[in-house]
Amino acid sequence: MSFPACKHRRCPQGRATGLRWLAAEPYRVFFVLGTVWSVVGVALWPLFYQGLLATHPLLSHTRLMIEGFGGAFVVGFLGTAGPRMASAPKLTPLELGWLVALHTGSAVAHLGGWHAVGDMLFTTLLLSLMACLIVRVLRFRAEPPPPQLLLALVGLLCGAVGAAMLASAVSLSDLRIYRLASLLLNQGLLLPPVLGIGSFVFPRILGGGFGEGATEDETKRKRRRTVLAAALLVGSFMVEAYGSSMAGGLLRVAVCLVYLMLEVPWKRQPGQGTLAAGLRASLVVGFLGIILAAFANPSQRISVDHLLYIGGFGLLILVVGSRVLFGHSGQLADFAKRSWPGRFLVGLALLAAATRAVPALAPQVAVSHHQYAALTWVGLAILWLVWHRRRFREREEE
């Protein structure tokens, strides 16, 4: 099994079927939804430049990529792994239906330009998932969850607070509040889970075991590092919004680098395939994006930020999503192999990130490169869905 099976007396025993199966593994729904909404989000740019949209798509694009795409993968992964980490009951069909309805409603609202409604629905989605996980940890857990789960919950809280702030008119009246809200949603939703989930899953992707503490003392050290990393990450958003953009960005990079170096054994091991290389590439490009954005002028910032959002978050999400799909379909050994789809996946993600970042140095090509990057991502997303189409339906043996 990818995670410990729940042995709680309230956990239905035996092989789940139908909606109960989907609720137990909600990534099968949310990964598809997130990928589809990412295609819709990037397709807005070519449609706009071809004169087929009446309004500028910046806000719709941003929200669909962060909430529709990134949020879907965060909810799908934590909805699947969170209960397992605590050996607690899995989600129920009713909970799955509620989460899917909130996510879909949020994305549709953003597509229609009702961003305040979309943000509030997304806030409700994240708070609902947090409630599901916290209740399971406090009431049903058979054993304490790994400390890394705290960082994942901090990410959900950052995303919920950021989206709620952006839905309020107060954020529009103060540039610093708006900047803080944007950072909490756009980076706070994803960075803490990247550290928390990453320190637990990255060692497995790189050929080892899950990043659990071997002893009680080691678990305590991990817990202290997790609390400190969460506090410093949130603090970096405050520093950037109310102080120095450069200081906030560099603090964020330092926290992430130190935490991952302490928590993840990066020594190359035999048997690492294409997607393990993609994991390393996504982290390098993501950190490069944060560093360059810290030194970029305002006119370059949006373009440079896409090194983080496409080459960092985007590629990382698809690599970790692939690991989940391979593992839960009983094909884990294939994940570590070298593959042409994997090479195309990594290559297209890096190409899209580089293409979208070029306008920072050559503003005159912004329109064409927006479209090139969008079409590259569309091809990448479709490739990913086609590659894994059977794994969304297949199950590993009990």
Protein backbone atom coordinates (compact mmCIF):
# COMPACT_ATOMS: atom_id res chain seq x y z
CA MET A 1 0.00 0.00 0.00
CA SER A 2 1.13 3.53 -0.63
CA PHE A 3 0.12 4.59 2.90
CA PRO A 4 -0.99 2.59 5.95
CA ALA A 5 -4.51 1.24 5.66
CA CYS A 6 -7.05 2.45 8.22
CA LYS A 7 -7.91 -0.17 10.84
CA HIS A 8 -10.38 2.00 12.76
CA ARG A 9 -13.65 0.27 13.59
CA ARG A 10 -15.58 3.06 11.82
CA CYS A 11 -13.56 2.54 8.64
CA PRO A 12 -15.43 0.28 6.19
CA GLN A 13 -13.39 -2.86 5.71
CA GLY A 14 -12.96 -4.66 2.42
CA ARG A 15 -12.46 -3.35 -1.08
CA ALA A 16 -14.33 -0.08 -1.65
CA THR A 17 -16.36 0.30 -4.82
CA GLY A 18 -18.23 3.05 -6.66
CA LEU A 19 -18.49 6.42 -4.94
CA ARG A 20 -16.94 5.03 -1.78
CA TRP A 21 -13.83 4.14 -3.79
CA LEU A 22 -13.64 7.61 -5.37
CA ALA A 23 -14.15 9.27 -1.99
CA ALA A 24 -11.34 7.18 -0.51
CA GLU A 25 -9.04 8.30 -3.34
CA PRO A 26 -10.31 11.77 -4.34
CA TYR A 27 -7.17 12.49 -6.37
CA ARG A 28 -8.79 10.48 -9.18
CA VAL A 29 -11.40 13.22 -9.50
CA PHE A 30 -9.43 16.33 -8.55
CA PHE A 31 -6.34 15.62 -10.65
CA VAL A 32 -8.50 15.41 -13.77
CA LEU A 33 -10.50 18.51 -12.84
CA GLY A 34 -7.35 20.49 -12.08
CA THR A 35 -5.66 19.57 -15.35
CA VAL A 36 -8.76 20.44 -17.38
CA TRP A 37 -9.15 23.79 -15.65
CA SER A 38 -5.47 24.55 -16.32
CA VAL A 39 -6.12 24.07 -20.03
CA VAL A 40 -9.07 26.44 -19.82
CA GLY A 41 -7.00 28.95 -17.83
CA VAL A 42 -4.12 29.18 -20.31
CA ALA A 43 -6.40 29.01 -23.37
CA LEU A 44 -7.85 32.38 -22.36
CA TRP A 45 -4.73 34.13 -23.65
CA PRO A 46 -4.82 32.93 -27.29
CA LEU A 47 -8.58 33.56 -27.34
CA PHE A 48 -8.05 37.09 -26.05
CA TYR A 49 -5.30 37.92 -28.53
CA GLN A 50 -7.45 36.59 -31.36
CA GLY A 51 -10.19 39.03 -30.34
CA LEU A 52 -12.59 36.35 -29.11
CA LEU A 53 -12.84 37.64 -25.51
CA ALA A 54 -14.38 40.96 -24.60
CA THR A 55 -12.51 41.37 -21.29
CA HIS A 56 -8.87 41.04 -20.29
CA PRO A 57 -8.32 37.53 -18.88
CA LEU A 58 -5.56 38.27 -16.35
CA LEU A 59 -7.60 37.71 -13.17
CA SER A 60 -9.50 34.73 -14.58
CA HIS A 61 -6.27 33.14 -15.78
CA THR A 62 -4.50 33.69 -12.46
CA ARG A 63 -7.34 32.30 -10.35
CA LEU A 64 -7.95 29.30 -12.59
CA MET A 65 -4.28 28.34 -12.51
CA ILE A 66 -3.85 28.81 -8.74
CA GLU A 67 -7.26 27.75 -7.44
CA GLY A 68 -8.56 25.62 -10.30
CA PHE A 69 -5.28 23.81 -11.07
CA GLY A 70 -2.99 24.07 -8.03
CA GLY A 71 -5.83 23.97 -5.54
CA ALA A 72 -7.31 20.85 -7.14
CA PHE A 73 -4.05 18.93 -6.80
CA VAL A 74 -3.54 20.06 -3.21
CA VAL A 75 -7.09 19.00 -2.28
CA GLY A 76 -6.82 15.74 -4.21
CA PHE A 77 -3.51 14.78 -2.65
CA LEU A 78 -4.33 15.77 0.92
CA GLY A 79 -7.83 14.33 0.68
CA THR A 80 -6.22 11.01 -0.22
CA ALA A 81 -3.04 11.02 1.86
CA GLY A 82 -4.16 13.00 4.92
CA PRO A 83 -6.46 10.33 6.43
CA ARG A 84 -3.92 7.63 5.59
CA MET A 85 -1.11 9.51 7.30
CA ALA A 86 -3.11 9.38 10.52
CA SER A 87 -4.52 5.87 9.86
CA ALA A 88 -7.96 7.48 10.12
CA PRO A 89 -11.18 6.93 8.13
CA LYS A 90 -11.09 8.05 4.52
CA LEU A 91 -13.37 10.71 3.06
CA THR A 92 -17.01 9.81 2.51
CA PRO A 93 -18.96 10.21 -0.76
CA LEU A 94 -20.89 13.11 0.79
CA GLU A 95 -17.65 14.91 1.67
CA LEU A 96 -16.26 14.27 -1.82
CA GLY A 97 -19.40 15.65 -3.46
CA TRP A 98 -19.26 18.78 -1.30
CA LEU A 99 -15.58 19.42 -2.11
CA VAL A 100 -16.07 18.82 -5.85
CA ALA A 101 -19.09 21.15 -5.93
CA LEU A 102 -17.15 23.94 -4.18
CA HIS A 103 -14.14 23.55 -6.46
CA THR A 104 -16.23 23.48 -9.64
CA GLY A 105 -18.34 26.42 -8.50
CA SER A 106 -15.22 28.44 -7.72
CA ALA A 107 -13.66 27.75 -11.11
CA VAL A 108 -16.87 28.52 -13.01
CA ALA A 109 -17.27 31.79 -11.08
CA HIS A 110 -13.74 32.88 -11.95
CA LEU A 111 -14.26 31.96 -15.60
CA GLY A 112 -17.36 34.14 -15.61
CA GLY A 113 -15.54 37.06 -13.97
CA TRP A 114 -17.26 36.80 -10.55
CA HIS A 115 -13.98 36.69 -8.69
CA ALA A 116 -15.25 37.58 -5.22
CA VAL A 117 -17.73 34.69 -5.41
CA GLY A 118 -15.04 32.35 -6.73
CA ASP A 119 -12.63 33.32 -3.97
CA MET A 120 -15.21 32.78 -1.23
CA LEU A 121 -16.15 29.37 -2.63
CA PHE A 122 -12.47 28.47 -2.74
CA THR A 123 -12.02 29.65 0.85
CA THR A 124 -14.92 27.41 1.86
CA LEU A 125 -13.35 24.51 -0.05
CA LEU A 126 -10.03 24.78 1.79
CA LEU A 127 -11.64 25.27 5.20
CA SER A 128 -13.92 22.27 4.56
CA LEU A 129 -10.94 20.06 3.74
CA MET A 130 -9.10 21.33 6.81
CA ALA A 131 -12.12 20.48 8.96
CA CYS A 132 -12.29 16.97 7.46
CA LEU A 133 -8.61 16.35 8.21
CA ILE A 134 -8.51 17.95 11.67
CA VAL A 135 -11.58 16.01 12.85
CA ARG A 136 -9.97 12.77 11.69
CA VAL A 137 -6.66 13.56 13.37
CA LEU A 138 -8.26 14.60 16.68
CA ARG A 139 -11.04 12.04 16.92
CA PHE A 140 -10.21 8.97 14.88
CA ARG A 141 -6.46 8.74 14.49
CA ALA A 142 -4.88 5.40 15.31
CA GLU A 143 -1.46 7.05 15.59
CA PRO A 144 -0.09 10.63 15.37
CA PRO A 145 0.31 11.86 11.78
CA PRO A 146 3.81 12.77 10.56
CA PRO A 147 4.86 16.32 11.51
CA GLN A 148 4.98 17.30 7.83
CA LEU A 149 1.18 17.32 7.73
CA LEU A 150 1.29 20.57 9.74
CA LEU A 151 2.94 22.39 6.82
CA ALA A 152 0.26 21.10 4.47
CA LEU A 153 -2.44 22.45 6.79
CA VAL A 154 -0.60 25.79 6.97
CA GLY A 155 -0.77 25.91 3.17
CA LEU A 156 -4.53 25.34 3.25
CA LEU A 157 -4.90 28.09 5.86
CA CYS A 158 -2.72 30.54 3.87
CA GLY A 159 -4.75 29.87 0.72
CA ALA A 160 -8.05 30.29 2.55
CA VAL A 161 -6.99 33.56 4.23
CA GLY A 162 -5.51 34.93 0.99
CA ALA A 163 -8.61 34.12 -1.06
CA ALA A 164 -10.91 35.58 1.61
CA MET A 165 -8.84 38.78 1.74
CA LEU A 166 -8.95 39.13 -2.05
CA ALA A 167 -12.73 38.70 -1.97
CA SER A 168 -12.97 41.68 0.40
CA ALA A 169 -13.10 45.25 -0.84
CA VAL A 170 -10.55 46.16 1.85
CA SER A 171 -7.75 44.51 -0.13
CA LEU A 172 -8.45 46.79 -3.09
CA SER A 173 -8.03 49.95 -1.01
CA ASP A 174 -4.53 49.17 0.33
CA LEU A 175 -1.72 48.02 -1.94
CA ARG A 176 0.15 46.32 0.91
CA ILE A 177 -2.90 44.32 1.99
CA TYR A 178 -3.53 43.34 -1.62
CA ARG A 179 0.09 42.25 -2.01
CA LEU A 180 -0.06 40.17 1.17
CA ALA A 181 -3.34 38.54 0.11
CA SER A 182 -1.89 37.70 -3.32
CA LEU A 183 1.23 36.17 -1.78
CA LEU A 184 -0.79 34.09 0.68
CA LEU A 185 -2.96 32.70 -2.11
CA ASN A 186 -0.51 32.42 -5.02
CA GLN A 187 2.51 31.15 -3.07
CA GLY A 188 1.27 30.39 0.44
CA LEU A 189 -1.25 27.84 -0.85
CA LEU A 190 1.49 25.80 -2.54
CA LEU A 191 4.87 26.43 -0.90
CA PRO A 192 4.11 24.99 2.58
CA PRO A 193 2.56 21.81 1.09
CA VAL A 194 5.57 21.52 -1.24
CA LEU A 195 7.82 21.49 1.84
CA GLY A 196 5.52 19.34 3.98
CA ILE A 197 4.36 16.84 1.37
CA GLY A 198 7.74 17.05 -0.32
CA SER A 199 9.77 16.13 2.74
CA PHE A 200 7.47 13.11 3.15
CA VAL A 201 7.17 12.04 -0.52
CA PHE A 202 10.38 13.29 -2.21
CA PRO A 203 12.56 10.64 -0.53
CA ARG A 204 10.21 8.01 -1.95
CA ILE A 205 10.35 9.54 -5.43
CA LEU A 206 14.15 9.55 -5.23
CA GLY A 207 14.32 5.83 -4.48
CA GLY A 208 14.08 5.66 -0.67
CA GLY A 209 11.24 5.34 1.82
CA PHE A 210 8.73 7.90 3.04
CA GLY A 211 10.27 10.70 5.10
CA GLU A 212 9.05 9.55 8.49
CA GLY A 213 11.02 9.84 11.71
CA ALA A 214 12.76 6.55 12.57
CA THR A 215 12.80 7.31 16.30
CA GLU A 216 10.80 9.45 18.70
CA ASP A 217 13.69 11.93 19.02
CA GLU A 218 13.95 12.27 15.26
CA THR A 219 10.21 12.85 15.01
CA LYS A 220 10.47 15.62 17.61
CA ARG A 221 13.28 17.28 15.64
CA LYS A 222 11.18 17.10 12.49
CA ARG A 223 8.26 18.65 14.35
CA ARG A 224 10.41 21.57 15.58
CA ARG A 225 11.81 22.18 12.11
CA THR A 226 8.32 22.04 10.64
CA VAL A 227 6.92 24.64 13.05
CA LEU A 228 9.90 26.94 12.47
CA ALA A 229 9.67 26.60 8.68
CA ALA A 230 5.93 27.36 8.72
CA ALA A 231 6.45 30.48 10.86
CA LEU A 232 9.31 31.76 8.68
CA LEU A 233 7.41 31.17 5.44
CA VAL A 234 4.40 33.14 6.65
CA GLY A 235 6.80 35.77 7.99
CA SER A 236 8.45 36.07 4.57
CA PHE A 237 5.10 37.05 3.05
CA MET A 238 4.70 39.76 5.69
CA VAL A 239 8.24 41.02 5.05
CA GLU A 240 7.64 41.22 1.31
CA ALA A 241 4.26 42.92 1.58
CA TYR A 242 5.14 45.46 4.27
CA GLY A 243 8.90 45.77 3.94
CA SER A 244 11.31 44.66 1.25
CA SER A 245 10.33 42.50 -1.72
CA MET A 246 13.96 41.37 -2.03
CA ALA A 247 14.28 40.44 1.64
CA GLY A 248 10.99 38.52 1.64
CA GLY A 249 11.87 36.53 -1.47
CA LEU A 250 15.40 35.66 -0.31
CA LEU A 251 14.12 34.65 3.14
CA ARG A 252 11.63 32.34 1.45
CA VAL A 253 14.33 30.70 -0.66
CA ALA A 254 16.60 30.27 2.36
CA VAL A 255 13.84 28.63 4.42
CA CYS A 256 12.90 26.22 1.63
CA LEU A 257 16.48 25.28 0.81
CA VAL A 258 17.53 24.67 4.39
CA TYR A 259 14.39 22.71 5.21
CA LEU A 260 14.62 20.45 2.15
CA MET A 261 18.35 19.90 2.62
CA LEU A 262 17.74 18.77 6.20
CA GLU A 263 14.68 16.65 5.47
CA VAL A 264 15.39 15.02 2.09
CA PRO A 265 18.37 12.75 1.24
CA TRP A 266 19.40 14.22 -2.12
CA LYS A 267 22.28 11.83 -2.78
CA ARG A 268 21.68 10.22 -6.15
CA GLN A 269 20.60 6.58 -5.87
CA PRO A 270 20.41 3.89 -8.57
CA GLY A 271 17.07 3.35 -10.25
CA GLN A 272 15.98 6.99 -10.45
CA GLY A 273 14.04 7.56 -13.64
CA THR A 274 13.00 10.49 -15.77
CA LEU A 275 10.46 11.88 -13.35
CA ALA A 276 12.95 11.95 -10.48
CA ALA A 277 15.11 14.17 -12.71
CA GLY A 278 12.00 16.27 -13.37
CA LEU A 279 11.53 16.70 -9.62
CA ARG A 280 15.06 18.05 -9.25
CA ALA A 281 14.61 20.34 -12.28
CA SER A 282 11.34 21.75 -10.93
CA LEU A 283 12.96 22.69 -7.62
CA VAL A 284 15.96 24.33 -9.31
CA VAL A 285 13.77 26.37 -11.68
CA GLY A 286 11.31 27.26 -8.92
CA PHE A 287 14.03 28.57 -6.60
CA LEU A 288 15.60 30.44 -9.54
CA GLY A 289 12.23 32.08 -10.20
CA ILE A 290 11.88 33.30 -6.61
CA ILE A 291 15.45 34.65 -6.56
CA LEU A 292 15.16 36.46 -9.90
CA ALA A 293 11.78 37.91 -8.91
CA ALA A 294 13.37 39.32 -5.76
CA PHE A 295 15.75 41.39 -7.91
CA ALA A 296 13.42 42.11 -10.86
CA ASN A 297 11.83 45.49 -11.46
CA PRO A 298 8.00 45.70 -11.45
CA SER A 299 7.74 45.50 -15.25
CA GLN A 300 9.68 42.22 -15.27
CA ARG A 301 8.13 40.65 -12.20
CA ILE A 302 5.13 38.88 -13.74
CA SER A 303 7.19 37.24 -16.49
CA VAL A 304 9.93 36.10 -14.09
CA ASP A 305 7.34 34.79 -11.62
CA HIS A 306 6.30 32.21 -14.22
CA LEU A 307 9.57 30.39 -13.75
CA LEU A 308 8.21 29.56 -10.31
CA TYR A 309 4.60 28.98 -11.35
CA ILE A 310 5.21 26.90 -14.50
CA GLY A 311 8.68 25.38 -14.17
CA GLY A 312 8.49 25.11 -10.38
CA PHE A 313 4.93 24.52 -9.14
CA GLY A 314 3.48 23.29 -12.45
CA LEU A 315 6.13 20.68 -13.20
CA LEU A 316 6.37 19.61 -9.57
CA ILE A 317 2.60 19.11 -9.33
CA LEU A 318 2.59 16.87 -12.41
CA VAL A 319 5.58 14.85 -11.20
CA VAL A 320 4.09 14.23 -7.75
CA GLY A 321 0.70 13.57 -9.35
CA SER A 322 2.37 10.98 -11.59
CA ARG A 323 3.92 9.31 -8.55
CA VAL A 324 0.49 9.05 -6.93
CA LEU A 325 -1.06 7.60 -10.08
CA PHE A 326 1.71 5.03 -10.59
CA GLY A 327 1.60 4.02 -6.93
CA HIS A 328 -2.16 3.66 -6.58
CA SER A 329 -2.55 1.76 -9.86
CA GLY A 330 -0.08 -0.92 -8.79
CA GLN A 331 2.60 0.18 -11.27
CA LEU A 332 5.09 1.76 -8.91
CA ALA A 333 8.07 0.04 -10.53
CA ASP A 334 7.28 1.82 -13.82
CA PHE A 335 7.59 5.23 -12.16
CA ALA A 336 11.34 4.75 -11.71
CA LYS A 337 11.89 3.88 -15.38
CA ARG A 338 13.09 6.21 -18.10
CA SER A 339 10.27 7.01 -20.49
CA TRP A 340 9.59 9.16 -23.53
CA PRO A 341 6.32 10.56 -22.11
CA GLY A 342 8.26 11.55 -19.00
CA ARG A 343 10.92 13.29 -21.08
CA PHE A 344 8.28 15.19 -23.04
CA LEU A 345 6.53 16.11 -19.79
CA VAL A 346 9.66 17.63 -18.27
CA GLY A 347 10.81 19.22 -21.52
CA LEU A 348 7.49 20.87 -22.33
CA ALA A 349 7.13 22.26 -18.81
CA LEU A 350 10.61 23.81 -18.91
CA LEU A 351 9.97 25.13 -22.43
CA ALA A 352 6.68 26.74 -21.35
CA ALA A 353 8.37 28.34 -18.32
CA ALA A 354 11.27 29.71 -20.38
CA THR A 355 8.97 30.96 -23.14
CA ARG A 356 6.73 32.79 -20.69
CA ALA A 357 9.75 34.35 -18.93
CA VAL A 358 11.35 35.73 -22.13
CA PRO A 359 9.21 38.94 -22.17
CA ALA A 360 11.07 40.04 -19.02
CA LEU A 361 14.07 40.69 -21.28
CA ALA A 362 12.25 41.32 -24.57
CA PRO A 363 8.89 43.05 -23.89
CA GLN A 364 8.22 43.38 -27.63
CA VAL A 365 7.57 39.64 -27.92
CA ALA A 366 5.15 39.47 -24.98
CA VAL A 367 2.03 38.82 -27.07
CA SER A 368 3.51 36.03 -29.17
CA HIS A 369 5.26 34.37 -26.24
CA HIS A 370 2.12 34.47 -24.09
CA GLN A 371 0.44 32.44 -26.80
CA TYR A 372 3.40 30.08 -27.35
CA ALA A 373 3.64 29.34 -23.64
CA ALA A 374 -0.13 28.81 -23.39
CA LEU A 375 -0.21 26.38 -26.31
CA THR A 376 2.82 24.53 -24.91
CA TRP A 377 1.03 24.06 -21.60
CA VAL A 378 -2.12 22.85 -23.37
CA GLY A 379 -0.04 20.20 -25.14
CA LEU A 380 1.67 19.27 -21.88
CA ALA A 381 -1.62 18.92 -19.95
CA ILE A 382 -3.22 16.80 -22.67
CA LEU A 383 -0.11 14.60 -22.85
CA TRP A 384 -0.23 14.08 -19.07
CA LEU A 385 -3.91 13.09 -19.11
CA VAL A 386 -3.47 10.73 -22.06
CA TRP A 387 -0.36 9.15 -20.54
CA HIS A 388 -2.15 8.39 -17.29
CA ARG A 389 -5.65 7.74 -18.65
CA ARG A 390 -5.68 4.09 -17.59
CA ARG A 391 -4.06 4.77 -14.23
CA PHE A 392 -6.97 6.97 -13.22
CA ARG A 393 -9.14 3.84 -13.37
CA GLU A 394 -6.73 1.10 -12.32
CA ARG A 395 -6.21 0.03 -8.71
CA GLU A 396 -3.38 -1.71 -6.94
CA GLU A 397 -4.02 -5.12 -5.49
CA GLU A 398 -5.17 -5.27 -1.88
